[in-house]
């Protein structure tokens, strides 16, 4: 979960910093794929931890996430391989995601999404 101070973002020209790292990797020698590496470099020493009640992790890998933590959380995160829309998703956590999905939506009808 990311929360940004947009005034600080502009002051430090974060967008340009991020694009500079992307350009430096034009030949894929610094990292192979993805946007995580330039993001990690760009935000190095510019991030702060949030209290865990703001961001509950583990719903994609941990079958023992505390129910009270989930209920009180501002954000829950399906990090891990068992995403709720996959067959391997943990049924006990699936409804937190599924209640917001319109399975009749034209773009979702052909996806392999499990309610």
C-alpha atoms as a PDB file:
ATOM      1  CA  UNK A   1       0.000   0.000   0.000  1.00  0.00           C
ATOM      2  CA  UNK A   2       1.365   3.377  -0.962  1.00  0.00           C
ATOM      3  CA  UNK A   3       0.348   6.793   0.288  1.00  0.00           C
ATOM      4  CA  UNK A   4       2.031   9.757  -1.345  1.00  0.00           C
ATOM      5  CA  UNK A   5       2.438  13.385  -0.435  1.00  0.00           C
ATOM      6  CA  UNK A   6       1.907  14.870  -3.884  1.00  0.00           C
ATOM      7  CA  UNK A   7       3.612  18.150  -3.009  1.00  0.00           C
ATOM      8  CA  UNK A   8       6.704  16.202  -1.955  1.00  0.00           C
ATOM      9  CA  UNK A   9       6.361  14.013  -5.079  1.00  0.00           C
ATOM     10  CA  UNK A  10       6.519  17.134  -7.254  1.00  0.00           C
ATOM     11  CA  UNK A  11       9.298  18.744  -5.205  1.00  0.00           C
ATOM     12  CA  UNK A  12      11.517  15.662  -5.560  1.00  0.00           C
ATOM     13  CA  UNK A  13      10.411  15.077  -9.183  1.00  0.00           C
ATOM     14  CA  UNK A  14       9.725  11.424  -8.433  1.00  0.00           C
ATOM     15  CA  UNK A  15       8.229  10.722 -11.863  1.00  0.00           C
ATOM     16  CA  UNK A  16      11.450  11.794 -13.565  1.00  0.00           C
ATOM     17  CA  UNK A  17      13.568   9.755 -11.129  1.00  0.00           C
ATOM     18  CA  UNK A  18      11.477   6.679 -11.919  1.00  0.00           C
ATOM     19  CA  UNK A  19      11.714   7.216 -15.688  1.00  0.00           C
ATOM     20  CA  UNK A  20      15.465   7.781 -15.437  1.00  0.00           C
ATOM     21  CA  UNK A  21      15.894   4.322 -13.891  1.00  0.00           C
ATOM     22  CA  UNK A  22      13.685   2.803 -16.581  1.00  0.00           C
ATOM     23  CA  UNK A  23      15.792   4.449 -19.311  1.00  0.00           C
ATOM     24  CA  UNK A  24      19.022   3.223 -17.722  1.00  0.00           C
ATOM     25  CA  UNK A  25      17.699  -0.304 -18.084  1.00  0.00           C
ATOM     26  CA  UNK A  26      16.852  -0.044 -21.796  1.00  0.00           C
ATOM     27  CA  UNK A  27      19.142  -3.004 -22.552  1.00  0.00           C
ATOM     28  CA  UNK A  28      17.747  -5.110 -19.643  1.00  0.00           C
ATOM     29  CA  UNK A  29      21.182  -5.384 -17.994  1.00  0.00           C
ATOM     30  CA  UNK A  30      20.145  -4.017 -14.582  1.00  0.00           C
ATOM     31  CA  UNK A  31      17.022  -6.199 -14.233  1.00  0.00           C
ATOM     32  CA  UNK A  32      15.129  -8.432 -16.624  1.00  0.00           C
ATOM     33  CA  UNK A  33      11.419  -7.611 -16.391  1.00  0.00           C
ATOM     34  CA  UNK A  34       8.815  -5.794 -14.364  1.00  0.00           C
ATOM     35  CA  UNK A  35       8.321  -2.456 -12.682  1.00  0.00           C
ATOM     36  CA  UNK A  36       9.215  -3.456  -9.133  1.00  0.00           C
ATOM     37  CA  UNK A  37      13.005  -2.874  -9.405  1.00  0.00           C
ATOM     38  CA  UNK A  38      12.841   0.763 -10.601  1.00  0.00           C
ATOM     39  CA  UNK A  39      10.142   1.406  -8.013  1.00  0.00           C
ATOM     40  CA  UNK A  40      12.302  -0.039  -5.245  1.00  0.00           C
ATOM     41  CA  UNK A  41      15.251   2.080  -6.364  1.00  0.00           C
ATOM     42  CA  UNK A  42      13.177   5.242  -6.763  1.00  0.00           C
ATOM     43  CA  UNK A  43      11.564   4.951  -3.354  1.00  0.00           C
ATOM     44  CA  UNK A  44      14.674   3.804  -1.451  1.00  0.00           C
ATOM     45  CA  UNK A  45      14.819   5.778   1.816  1.00  0.00           C
ATOM     46  CA  UNK A  46      11.582   7.565   0.898  1.00  0.00           C
ATOM     47  CA  UNK A  47       9.155   5.142   2.525  1.00  0.00           C
ATOM     48  CA  UNK A  48       7.826   4.570   6.013  1.00  0.00           C
ATOM     49  CA  UNK A  49       6.130   1.563   7.537  1.00  0.00           C
ATOM     50  CA  UNK A  50       2.455   1.809   8.342  1.00  0.00           C
ATOM     51  CA  UNK A  51       0.946   0.283  11.434  1.00  0.00           C
ATOM     52  CA  UNK A  52      -0.168  -3.244  10.562  1.00  0.00           C
ATOM     53  CA  UNK A  53      -3.804  -2.385  11.224  1.00  0.00           C
ATOM     54  CA  UNK A  54      -3.709  -0.284   8.053  1.00  0.00           C
ATOM     55  CA  UNK A  55      -2.467  -3.076   5.824  1.00  0.00           C
ATOM     56  CA  UNK A  56      -3.100  -6.733   6.623  1.00  0.00           C
ATOM     57  CA  UNK A  57      -0.913  -9.056   4.568  1.00  0.00           C
ATOM     58  CA  UNK A  58      -1.046 -12.758   3.897  1.00  0.00           C
ATOM     59  CA  UNK A  59      -4.460 -13.527   2.481  1.00  0.00           C
ATOM     60  CA  UNK A  60      -2.795 -15.141  -0.518  1.00  0.00           C
ATOM     61  CA  UNK A  61      -0.577 -17.538   1.449  1.00  0.00           C
ATOM     62  CA  UNK A  62      -1.331 -17.616   5.178  1.00  0.00           C
ATOM     63  CA  UNK A  63      -4.358 -19.639   6.361  1.00  0.00           C
ATOM     64  CA  UNK A  64      -3.960 -18.236   9.890  1.00  0.00           C
ATOM     65  CA  UNK A  65      -4.441 -14.487   9.456  1.00  0.00           C
ATOM     66  CA  UNK A  66      -6.187 -13.190  12.557  1.00  0.00           C
ATOM     67  CA  UNK A  67      -9.895 -12.581  11.828  1.00  0.00           C
ATOM     68  CA  UNK A  68     -10.004  -9.504  14.086  1.00  0.00           C
ATOM     69  CA  UNK A  69      -7.079  -7.949  12.200  1.00  0.00           C
ATOM     70  CA  UNK A  70      -8.914  -8.488   8.912  1.00  0.00           C
ATOM     71  CA  UNK A  71     -12.129  -6.967  10.248  1.00  0.00           C
ATOM     72  CA  UNK A  72     -10.342  -3.863  11.562  1.00  0.00           C
ATOM     73  CA  UNK A  73      -8.002  -3.341   8.599  1.00  0.00           C
ATOM     74  CA  UNK A  74      -8.259  -0.410   6.224  1.00  0.00           C
ATOM     75  CA  UNK A  75      -6.736  -2.549   3.451  1.00  0.00           C
ATOM     76  CA  UNK A  76      -6.315  -6.299   3.067  1.00  0.00           C
ATOM     77  CA  UNK A  77      -3.689  -7.696   0.732  1.00  0.00           C
ATOM     78  CA  UNK A  78      -3.778 -10.976  -1.144  1.00  0.00           C
ATOM     79  CA  UNK A  79      -0.014 -11.193  -1.456  1.00  0.00           C
ATOM     80  CA  UNK A  80       1.237 -14.663  -2.269  1.00  0.00           C
ATOM     81  CA  UNK A  81       0.253 -17.204  -4.901  1.00  0.00           C
ATOM     82  CA  UNK A  82      -3.261 -18.065  -3.717  1.00  0.00           C
ATOM     83  CA  UNK A  83      -5.146 -15.088  -5.150  1.00  0.00           C
ATOM     84  CA  UNK A  84      -8.895 -15.203  -4.433  1.00  0.00           C
ATOM     85  CA  UNK A  85      -9.827 -15.353  -8.121  1.00  0.00           C
ATOM     86  CA  UNK A  86      -7.761 -18.516  -8.684  1.00  0.00           C
ATOM     87  CA  UNK A  87      -8.887 -22.073  -7.951  1.00  0.00           C
ATOM     88  CA  UNK A  88      -6.050 -22.347  -5.428  1.00  0.00           C
ATOM     89  CA  UNK A  89      -7.325 -19.273  -3.549  1.00  0.00           C
ATOM     90  CA  UNK A  90      -8.267 -19.929   0.062  1.00  0.00           C
ATOM     91  CA  UNK A  91     -12.066 -20.124   0.330  1.00  0.00           C
ATOM     92  CA  UNK A  92     -12.114 -18.542   3.798  1.00  0.00           C
ATOM     93  CA  UNK A  93     -10.677 -15.291   2.370  1.00  0.00           C
ATOM     94  CA  UNK A  94     -12.348 -15.310  -1.040  1.00  0.00           C
ATOM     95  CA  UNK A  95     -15.543 -13.488  -0.031  1.00  0.00           C
ATOM     96  CA  UNK A  96     -13.681 -10.322   0.990  1.00  0.00           C
ATOM     97  CA  UNK A  97     -12.762  -9.957  -2.675  1.00  0.00           C
ATOM     98  CA  UNK A  98     -15.753 -11.599  -4.348  1.00  0.00           C
ATOM     99  CA  UNK A  99     -18.384  -9.326  -2.815  1.00  0.00           C
ATOM    100  CA  UNK A 100     -17.038  -6.432  -4.909  1.00  0.00           C
ATOM    101  CA  UNK A 101     -16.942  -8.279  -8.250  1.00  0.00           C
ATOM    102  CA  UNK A 102     -19.685  -8.025 -10.843  1.00  0.00           C
ATOM    103  CA  UNK A 103     -19.398 -11.446 -12.475  1.00  0.00           C
ATOM    104  CA  UNK A 104     -21.806 -10.369 -15.226  1.00  0.00           C
ATOM    105  CA  UNK A 105     -19.460  -7.630 -16.433  1.00  0.00           C
ATOM    106  CA  UNK A 106     -18.539  -8.102 -20.079  1.00  0.00           C
ATOM    107  CA  UNK A 107     -14.781  -8.104 -19.399  1.00  0.00           C
ATOM    108  CA  UNK A 108     -15.030 -10.737 -16.671  1.00  0.00           C
ATOM    109  CA  UNK A 109     -17.296 -13.238 -18.413  1.00  0.00           C
ATOM    110  CA  UNK A 110     -14.483 -14.863 -20.361  1.00  0.00           C
ATOM    111  CA  UNK A 111     -11.920 -14.784 -17.550  1.00  0.00           C
ATOM    112  CA  UNK A 112     -11.166 -17.845 -15.481  1.00  0.00           C
ATOM    113  CA  UNK A 113     -12.388 -16.251 -12.254  1.00  0.00           C
ATOM    114  CA  UNK A 114     -13.777 -18.422  -9.489  1.00  0.00           C
ATOM    115  CA  UNK A 115     -16.658 -16.941  -7.436  1.00  0.00           C
END
